[in-house]
């Protein structure tokens, strides 16, 4: 006898058994690509937020702006770029 618990589920299997509906999508996170340029140095990276972990800044090349180590850095970037979404 085949153990069904190891068998990959298929679309057809679910559709044959259930009436499937979706009541909407809840966004629990996002990523913004941000460039900071002070005329001498340029920093680029990803600002990420998710509902469980909060904010994180990930540099594209490991070069971090000095302010990135201070509290609220990520939040301030989010506020400044809020209209860019």
PDB file of N, CA and C in Angstrom:
ATOM      1  N   UNK A   1       0.836  -1.187   0.000  1.00  0.00           N
ATOM      2  CA  UNK A   1       0.000   0.000   0.000  1.00  0.00           C
ATOM      3  C   UNK A   1       0.879   1.248   0.000  1.00  0.00           C
ATOM      4  N   UNK A   2       0.519   2.260  -0.816  1.00  0.00           N
ATOM      5  CA  UNK A   2       1.292   3.502  -0.935  1.00  0.00           C
ATOM      6  C   UNK A   2       0.918   4.438   0.213  1.00  0.00           C
ATOM      7  N   UNK A   3       1.944   5.002   0.853  1.00  0.00           N
ATOM      8  CA  UNK A   3       1.727   5.983   1.926  1.00  0.00           C
ATOM      9  C   UNK A   3       1.434   7.340   1.291  1.00  0.00           C
ATOM     10  N   UNK A   4       0.187   7.793   1.341  1.00  0.00           N
ATOM     11  CA  UNK A   4      -0.236   9.052   0.713  1.00  0.00           C
ATOM     12  C   UNK A   4       0.415  10.279   1.351  1.00  0.00           C
ATOM     13  N   UNK A   5       0.893  10.167   2.586  1.00  0.00           N
ATOM     14  CA  UNK A   5       1.471  11.328   3.264  1.00  0.00           C
ATOM     15  C   UNK A   5       2.788  11.770   2.636  1.00  0.00           C
ATOM     16  N   UNK A   6       3.433  10.909   1.855  1.00  0.00           N
ATOM     17  CA  UNK A   6       4.681  11.262   1.185  1.00  0.00           C
ATOM     18  C   UNK A   6       4.461  11.700  -0.259  1.00  0.00           C
ATOM     19  N   UNK A   7       3.253  11.545  -0.756  1.00  0.00           N
ATOM     20  CA  UNK A   7       2.941  11.855  -2.149  1.00  0.00           C
ATOM     21  C   UNK A   7       2.610  13.340  -2.282  1.00  0.00           C
ATOM     22  N   UNK A   8       3.191  13.972  -3.279  1.00  0.00           N
ATOM     23  CA  UNK A   8       2.961  15.393  -3.516  1.00  0.00           C
ATOM     24  C   UNK A   8       1.495  15.638  -3.871  1.00  0.00           C
ATOM     25  N   UNK A   9       0.895  16.642  -3.238  1.00  0.00           N
ATOM     26  CA  UNK A   9      -0.496  16.986  -3.525  1.00  0.00           C
ATOM     27  C   UNK A   9      -0.576  17.675  -4.885  1.00  0.00           C
ATOM     28  N   UNK A  10      -1.685  17.496  -5.593  1.00  0.00           N
ATOM     29  CA  UNK A  10      -1.857  18.109  -6.913  1.00  0.00           C
ATOM     30  C   UNK A  10      -3.029  19.082  -6.902  1.00  0.00           C
ATOM     31  N   UNK A  11      -3.027  19.953  -7.883  1.00  0.00           N
ATOM     32  CA  UNK A  11      -4.136  20.899  -8.041  1.00  0.00           C
ATOM     33  C   UNK A  11      -5.442  20.131  -8.237  1.00  0.00           C
ATOM     34  N   UNK A  12      -5.394  19.148  -9.110  1.00  0.00           N
ATOM     35  CA  UNK A  12      -6.604  18.382  -9.422  1.00  0.00           C
ATOM     36  C   UNK A  12      -7.169  17.692  -8.185  1.00  0.00           C
ATOM     37  N   UNK A  13      -6.293  17.134  -7.366  1.00  0.00           N
ATOM     38  CA  UNK A  13      -6.727  16.466  -6.138  1.00  0.00           C
ATOM     39  C   UNK A  13      -7.497  17.429  -5.223  1.00  0.00           C
ATOM     40  N   UNK A  14      -6.963  18.610  -5.037  1.00  0.00           N
ATOM     41  CA  UNK A  14      -7.620  19.597  -4.173  1.00  0.00           C
ATOM     42  C   UNK A  14      -8.927  20.074  -4.808  1.00  0.00           C
ATOM     43  N   UNK A  15      -8.897  20.348  -6.122  1.00  0.00           N
ATOM     44  CA  UNK A  15     -10.099  20.822  -6.813  1.00  0.00           C
ATOM     45  C   UNK A  15     -11.206  19.771  -6.810  1.00  0.00           C
ATOM     46  N   UNK A  16     -10.845  18.501  -6.864  1.00  0.00           N
ATOM     47  CA  UNK A  16     -11.840  17.435  -6.827  1.00  0.00           C
ATOM     48  C   UNK A  16     -12.484  17.295  -5.451  1.00  0.00           C
ATOM     49  N   UNK A  17     -11.777  17.677  -4.416  1.00  0.00           N
ATOM     50  CA  UNK A  17     -12.251  17.469  -3.057  1.00  0.00           C
ATOM     51  C   UNK A  17     -12.884  18.714  -2.430  1.00  0.00           C
ATOM     52  N   UNK A  18     -12.398  19.888  -2.770  1.00  0.00           N
ATOM     53  CA  UNK A  18     -12.828  21.116  -2.087  1.00  0.00           C
ATOM     54  C   UNK A  18     -13.348  22.157  -3.066  1.00  0.00           C
ATOM     55  N   UNK A  19     -14.243  23.002  -2.561  1.00  0.00           N
ATOM     56  CA  UNK A  19     -14.622  24.228  -3.246  1.00  0.00           C
ATOM     57  C   UNK A  19     -13.648  25.273  -2.705  1.00  0.00           C
ATOM     58  N   UNK A  20     -12.772  25.790  -3.544  1.00  0.00           N
ATOM     59  CA  UNK A  20     -11.702  26.694  -3.096  1.00  0.00           C
ATOM     60  C   UNK A  20     -12.096  28.125  -3.410  1.00  0.00           C
ATOM     61  N   UNK A  21     -11.989  29.008  -2.421  1.00  0.00           N
ATOM     62  CA  UNK A  21     -12.219  30.431  -2.640  1.00  0.00           C
ATOM     63  C   UNK A  21     -11.203  31.221  -1.830  1.00  0.00           C
ATOM     64  N   UNK A  22     -10.961  32.432  -2.258  1.00  0.00           N
ATOM     65  CA  UNK A  22     -10.012  33.314  -1.587  1.00  0.00           C
ATOM     66  C   UNK A  22     -10.753  34.573  -1.177  1.00  0.00           C
ATOM     67  N   UNK A  23     -10.601  34.985   0.059  1.00  0.00           N
ATOM     68  CA  UNK A  23     -11.328  36.153   0.555  1.00  0.00           C
ATOM     69  C   UNK A  23     -10.486  37.418   0.523  1.00  0.00           C
ATOM     70  N   UNK A  24      -9.307  37.344  -0.064  1.00  0.00           N
ATOM     71  CA  UNK A  24      -8.448  38.517  -0.178  1.00  0.00           C
ATOM     72  C   UNK A  24      -7.024  38.196   0.227  1.00  0.00           C
ATOM     73  N   UNK A  25      -6.155  39.160  -0.012  1.00  0.00           N
ATOM     74  CA  UNK A  25      -4.738  39.005   0.291  1.00  0.00           C
ATOM     75  C   UNK A  25      -4.360  40.021   1.361  1.00  0.00           C
ATOM     76  N   UNK A  26      -3.609  39.578   2.344  1.00  0.00           N
ATOM     77  CA  UNK A  26      -3.075  40.464   3.368  1.00  0.00           C
ATOM     78  C   UNK A  26      -1.573  40.585   3.151  1.00  0.00           C
ATOM     79  N   UNK A  27      -1.107  41.794   2.925  1.00  0.00           N
ATOM     80  CA  UNK A  27       0.339  42.001   2.767  1.00  0.00           C
ATOM     81  C   UNK A  27       0.974  42.050   4.135  1.00  0.00           C
ATOM     82  N   UNK A  28       1.968  41.224   4.336  1.00  0.00           N
ATOM     83  CA  UNK A  28       2.648  41.183   5.629  1.00  0.00           C
ATOM     84  C   UNK A  28       4.090  41.656   5.518  1.00  0.00           C
ATOM     85  N   UNK A  29       4.482  42.159   4.353  1.00  0.00           N
ATOM     86  CA  UNK A  29       5.835  42.653   4.189  1.00  0.00           C
ATOM     87  C   UNK A  29       6.036  43.307   2.836  1.00  0.00           C
ATOM     88  N   UNK A  30       7.135  44.020   2.710  1.00  0.00           N
ATOM     89  CA  UNK A  30       7.504  44.663   1.453  1.00  0.00           C
ATOM     90  C   UNK A  30       9.007  44.910   1.424  1.00  0.00           C
ATOM     91  N   UNK A  31       9.530  45.239   0.233  1.00  0.00           N
ATOM     92  CA  UNK A  31      10.926  45.608   0.034  1.00  0.00           C
ATOM     93  C   UNK A  31      10.974  46.846  -0.849  1.00  0.00           C
ATOM     94  N   UNK A  32      11.785  47.824  -0.444  1.00  0.00           N
ATOM     95  CA  UNK A  32      12.031  49.019  -1.254  1.00  0.00           C
ATOM     96  C   UNK A  32      13.516  49.037  -1.612  1.00  0.00           C
ATOM     97  N   UNK A  33      13.828  49.388  -2.843  1.00  0.00           N
ATOM     98  CA  UNK A  33      15.216  49.579  -3.265  1.00  0.00           C
ATOM     99  C   UNK A  33      15.530  51.064  -3.112  1.00  0.00           C
ATOM    100  N   UNK A  34      16.553  51.380  -2.321  1.00  0.00           N
ATOM    101  CA  UNK A  34      16.836  52.776  -1.965  1.00  0.00           C
ATOM    102  C   UNK A  34      18.288  53.102  -2.268  1.00  0.00           C
ATOM    103  N   UNK A  35      18.515  54.328  -2.774  1.00  0.00           N
ATOM    104  CA  UNK A  35      19.854  54.856  -2.996  1.00  0.00           C
ATOM    105  C   UNK A  35      19.995  56.124  -2.160  1.00  0.00           C
ATOM    106  N   UNK A  36      21.073  56.204  -1.406  1.00  0.00           N
ATOM    107  CA  UNK A  36      21.413  57.403  -0.628  1.00  0.00           C
ATOM    108  C   UNK A  36      22.690  57.978  -1.239  1.00  0.00           C
ATOM    109  N   UNK A  37      22.678  59.254  -1.597  1.00  0.00           N
ATOM    110  CA  UNK A  37      23.831  59.874  -2.215  1.00  0.00           C
ATOM    111  C   UNK A  37      24.070  61.218  -1.552  1.00  0.00           C
ATOM    112  N   UNK A  38      25.285  61.413  -0.986  1.00  0.00           N
ATOM    113  CA  UNK A  38      25.600  62.693  -0.337  1.00  0.00           C
ATOM    114  C   UNK A  38      26.524  63.558  -1.181  1.00  0.00           C
ATOM    115  N   UNK A  39      26.691  63.214  -2.463  1.00  0.00           N
ATOM    116  CA  UNK A  39      27.567  63.968  -3.352  1.00  0.00           C
ATOM    117  C   UNK A  39      28.976  63.394  -3.405  1.00  0.00           C
ATOM    118  N   UNK A  40      29.375  62.678  -2.371  1.00  0.00           N
ATOM    119  CA  UNK A  40      30.692  62.039  -2.326  1.00  0.00           C
ATOM    120  C   UNK A  40      30.557  60.529  -2.309  1.00  0.00           C
ATOM    121  N   UNK A  41      29.653  60.048  -1.486  1.00  0.00           N
ATOM    122  CA  UNK A  41      29.438  58.608  -1.321  1.00  0.00           C
ATOM    123  C   UNK A  41      28.030  58.235  -1.759  1.00  0.00           C
ATOM    124  N   UNK A  42      27.931  57.049  -2.298  1.00  0.00           N
ATOM    125  CA  UNK A  42      26.615  56.524  -2.649  1.00  0.00           C
ATOM    126  C   UNK A  42      26.429  55.181  -1.958  1.00  0.00           C
ATOM    127  N   UNK A  43      25.276  55.037  -1.329  1.00  0.00           N
ATOM    128  CA  UNK A  43      24.910  53.798  -0.646  1.00  0.00           C
ATOM    129  C   UNK A  43      23.625  53.303  -1.269  1.00  0.00           C
ATOM    130  N   UNK A  44      23.574  52.032  -1.564  1.00  0.00           N
ATOM    131  CA  UNK A  44      22.339  51.479  -2.099  1.00  0.00           C
ATOM    132  C   UNK A  44      22.039  50.177  -1.382  1.00  0.00           C
ATOM    133  N   UNK A  45      20.761  49.904  -1.282  1.00  0.00           N
ATOM    134  CA  UNK A  45      20.372  48.679  -0.607  1.00  0.00           C
ATOM    135  C   UNK A  45      18.884  48.474  -0.630  1.00  0.00           C
ATOM    136  N   UNK A  46      18.478  47.494   0.136  1.00  0.00           N
ATOM    137  CA  UNK A  46      17.067  47.149   0.243  1.00  0.00           C
ATOM    138  C   UNK A  46      16.592  47.429   1.659  1.00  0.00           C
ATOM    139  N   UNK A  47      15.512  48.161   1.751  1.00  0.00           N
ATOM    140  CA  UNK A  47      14.825  48.372   3.018  1.00  0.00           C
ATOM    141  C   UNK A  47      13.659  47.400   3.027  1.00  0.00           C
ATOM    142  N   UNK A  48      13.655  46.524   4.007  1.00  0.00           N
ATOM    143  CA  UNK A  48      12.583  45.531   4.091  1.00  0.00           C
ATOM    144  C   UNK A  48      11.814  45.703   5.388  1.00  0.00           C
ATOM    145  N   UNK A  49      10.533  45.416   5.301  1.00  0.00           N
ATOM    146  CA  UNK A  49       9.681  45.413   6.486  1.00  0.00           C
ATOM    147  C   UNK A  49       8.770  44.202   6.409  1.00  0.00           C
ATOM    148  N   UNK A  50       8.574  43.546   7.531  1.00  0.00           N
ATOM    149  CA  UNK A  50       7.515  42.544   7.620  1.00  0.00           C
ATOM    150  C   UNK A  50       6.884  42.623   9.002  1.00  0.00           C
ATOM    151  N   UNK A  51       5.662  42.149   9.075  1.00  0.00           N
ATOM    152  CA  UNK A  51       4.865  42.336  10.280  1.00  0.00           C
ATOM    153  C   UNK A  51       5.406  41.580  11.481  1.00  0.00           C
ATOM    154  N   UNK A  52       6.262  40.596  11.275  1.00  0.00           N
ATOM    155  CA  UNK A  52       6.832  39.849  12.396  1.00  0.00           C
ATOM    156  C   UNK A  52       8.191  40.375  12.831  1.00  0.00           C
ATOM    157  N   UNK A  53       9.028  40.764  11.872  1.00  0.00           N
ATOM    158  CA  UNK A  53      10.411  41.126  12.179  1.00  0.00           C
ATOM    159  C   UNK A  53      10.674  42.631  12.175  1.00  0.00           C
ATOM    160  N   UNK A  54       9.758  43.429  11.659  1.00  0.00           N
ATOM    161  CA  UNK A  54       9.985  44.871  11.585  1.00  0.00           C
ATOM    162  C   UNK A  54      10.869  45.230  10.404  1.00  0.00           C
ATOM    163  N   UNK A  55      11.691  46.283  10.590  1.00  0.00           N
ATOM    164  CA  UNK A  55      12.539  46.799   9.517  1.00  0.00           C
ATOM    165  C   UNK A  55      13.921  46.146   9.517  1.00  0.00           C
ATOM    166  N   UNK A  56      14.502  46.061   8.307  1.00  0.00           N
ATOM    167  CA  UNK A  56      15.898  45.669   8.125  1.00  0.00           C
ATOM    168  C   UNK A  56      16.445  46.393   6.910  1.00  0.00           C
ATOM    169  N   UNK A  57      17.712  46.805   6.996  1.00  0.00           N
ATOM    170  CA  UNK A  57      18.411  47.422   5.870  1.00  0.00           C
ATOM    171  C   UNK A  57      19.499  46.463   5.423  1.00  0.00           C
ATOM    172  N   UNK A  58      19.523  46.140   4.130  1.00  0.00           N
ATOM    173  CA  UNK A  58      20.536  45.266   3.559  1.00  0.00           C
ATOM    174  C   UNK A  58      21.270  46.031   2.469  1.00  0.00           C
ATOM    175  N   UNK A  59      22.557  46.294   2.697  1.00  0.00           N
ATOM    176  CA  UNK A  59      23.378  47.003   1.728  1.00  0.00           C
ATOM    177  C   UNK A  59      23.625  46.129   0.507  1.00  0.00           C
ATOM    178  N   UNK A  60      23.656  46.747  -0.678  1.00  0.00           N
ATOM    179  CA  UNK A  60      23.940  46.001  -1.903  1.00  0.00           C
ATOM    180  C   UNK A  60      25.393  45.539  -1.970  1.00  0.00           C
ATOM    181  N   UNK A  61      26.309  46.320  -1.360  1.00  0.00           N
ATOM    182  CA  UNK A  61      27.733  45.995  -1.488  1.00  0.00           C
ATOM    183  C   UNK A  61      28.472  45.959  -0.148  1.00  0.00           C
ATOM    184  N   UNK A  62      27.735  45.991   0.955  1.00  0.00           N
ATOM    185  CA  UNK A  62      28.366  45.959   2.271  1.00  0.00           C
ATOM    186  C   UNK A  62      28.777  47.329   2.786  1.00  0.00           C
ATOM    187  N   UNK A  63      28.668  48.349   1.955  1.00  0.00           N
ATOM    188  CA  UNK A  63      29.013  49.714   2.335  1.00  0.00           C
ATOM    189  C   UNK A  63      27.801  50.358   3.005  1.00  0.00           C
ATOM    190  N   UNK A  64      27.900  50.576   4.314  1.00  0.00           N
ATOM    191  CA  UNK A  64      26.751  51.062   5.087  1.00  0.00           C
ATOM    192  C   UNK A  64      26.914  52.546   5.422  1.00  0.00           C
ATOM    193  N   UNK A  65      25.850  53.342   5.277  1.00  0.00           N
ATOM    194  CA  UNK A  65      25.935  54.726   5.724  1.00  0.00           C
ATOM    195  C   UNK A  65      26.098  54.765   7.245  1.00  0.00           C
ATOM    196  N   UNK A  66      26.833  55.746   7.774  1.00  0.00           N
ATOM    197  CA  UNK A  66      27.084  55.793   9.215  1.00  0.00           C
ATOM    198  C   UNK A  66      25.800  55.799  10.055  1.00  0.00           C
ATOM    199  N   UNK A  67      24.752  56.421   9.544  1.00  0.00           N
ATOM    200  CA  UNK A  67      23.489  56.507  10.283  1.00  0.00           C
ATOM    201  C   UNK A  67      22.768  55.174  10.411  1.00  0.00           C
ATOM    202  N   UNK A  68      23.150  54.204   9.603  1.00  0.00           N
ATOM    203  CA  UNK A  68      22.448  52.921   9.596  1.00  0.00           C
ATOM    204  C   UNK A  68      22.566  52.171  10.917  1.00  0.00           C
ATOM    205  N   UNK A  69      23.517  52.555  11.741  1.00  0.00           N
ATOM    206  CA  UNK A  69      23.707  51.893  13.038  1.00  0.00           C
ATOM    207  C   UNK A  69      22.924  52.576  14.159  1.00  0.00           C
ATOM    208  N   UNK A  70      22.281  53.676  13.828  1.00  0.00           N
ATOM    209  CA  UNK A  70      21.534  54.422  14.842  1.00  0.00           C
ATOM    210  C   UNK A  70      20.068  53.999  14.872  1.00  0.00           C
ATOM    211  N   UNK A  71      19.438  54.144  16.036  1.00  0.00           N
ATOM    212  CA  UNK A  71      18.008  53.789  16.143  1.00  0.00           C
ATOM    213  C   UNK A  71      17.154  54.602  15.175  1.00  0.00           C
ATOM    214  N   UNK A  72      16.138  53.977  14.652  1.00  0.00           N
ATOM    215  CA  UNK A  72      15.113  54.571  13.779  1.00  0.00           C
ATOM    216  C   UNK A  72      15.585  54.845  12.357  1.00  0.00           C
ATOM    217  N   UNK A  73      16.799  54.434  11.982  1.00  0.00           N
ATOM    218  CA  UNK A  73      17.294  54.670  10.619  1.00  0.00           C
ATOM    219  C   UNK A  73      16.325  54.123   9.571  1.00  0.00           C
ATOM    220  N   UNK A  74      15.939  52.864   9.716  1.00  0.00           N
ATOM    221  CA  UNK A  74      15.063  52.234   8.737  1.00  0.00           C
ATOM    222  C   UNK A  74      13.689  52.894   8.699  1.00  0.00           C
ATOM    223  N   UNK A  75      13.178  53.231   9.884  1.00  0.00           N
ATOM    224  CA  UNK A  75      11.866  53.880   9.956  1.00  0.00           C
ATOM    225  C   UNK A  75      11.887  55.229   9.235  1.00  0.00           C
ATOM    226  N   UNK A  76      12.953  56.000   9.429  1.00  0.00           N
ATOM    227  CA  UNK A  76      13.066  57.308   8.787  1.00  0.00           C
ATOM    228  C   UNK A  76      13.136  57.150   7.261  1.00  0.00           C
ATOM    229  N   UNK A  77      13.898  56.169   6.774  1.00  0.00           N
ATOM    230  CA  UNK A  77      13.929  55.925   5.326  1.00  0.00           C
ATOM    231  C   UNK A  77      12.547  55.570   4.795  1.00  0.00           C
ATOM    232  N   UNK A  78      11.811  54.774   5.545  1.00  0.00           N
ATOM    233  CA  UNK A  78      10.454  54.424   5.135  1.00  0.00           C
ATOM    234  C   UNK A  78       9.584  55.670   5.051  1.00  0.00           C
ATOM    235  N   UNK A  79       9.666  56.528   6.050  1.00  0.00           N
ATOM    236  CA  UNK A  79       8.863  57.764   6.055  1.00  0.00           C
ATOM    237  C   UNK A  79       9.208  58.653   4.867  1.00  0.00           C
ATOM    238  N   UNK A  80      10.498  58.815   4.604  1.00  0.00           N
ATOM    239  CA  UNK A  80      10.938  59.681   3.492  1.00  0.00           C
ATOM    240  C   UNK A  80      10.447  59.139   2.161  1.00  0.00           C
ATOM    241  N   UNK A  81      10.431  57.833   1.991  1.00  0.00           N
ATOM    242  CA  UNK A  81      10.074  57.217   0.710  1.00  0.00           C
ATOM    243  C   UNK A  81       8.633  56.731   0.652  1.00  0.00           C
ATOM    244  N   UNK A  82       7.820  57.103   1.605  1.00  0.00           N
ATOM    245  CA  UNK A  82       6.441  56.600   1.706  1.00  0.00           C
ATOM    246  C   UNK A  82       5.652  56.786   0.413  1.00  0.00           C
ATOM    247  N   UNK A  83       5.801  57.908  -0.255  1.00  0.00           N
ATOM    248  CA  UNK A  83       5.049  58.170  -1.483  1.00  0.00           C
ATOM    249  C   UNK A  83       5.554  57.410  -2.688  1.00  0.00           C
ATOM    250  N   UNK A  84       6.676  56.715  -2.540  1.00  0.00           N
ATOM    251  CA  UNK A  84       7.276  55.997  -3.665  1.00  0.00           C
ATOM    252  C   UNK A  84       6.680  54.622  -3.897  1.00  0.00           C
ATOM    253  N   UNK A  85       5.785  54.159  -3.041  1.00  0.00           N
ATOM    254  CA  UNK A  85       5.217  52.809  -3.215  1.00  0.00           C
ATOM    255  C   UNK A  85       4.172  52.787  -4.281  1.00  0.00           C
TER     256      UNK A  85
END
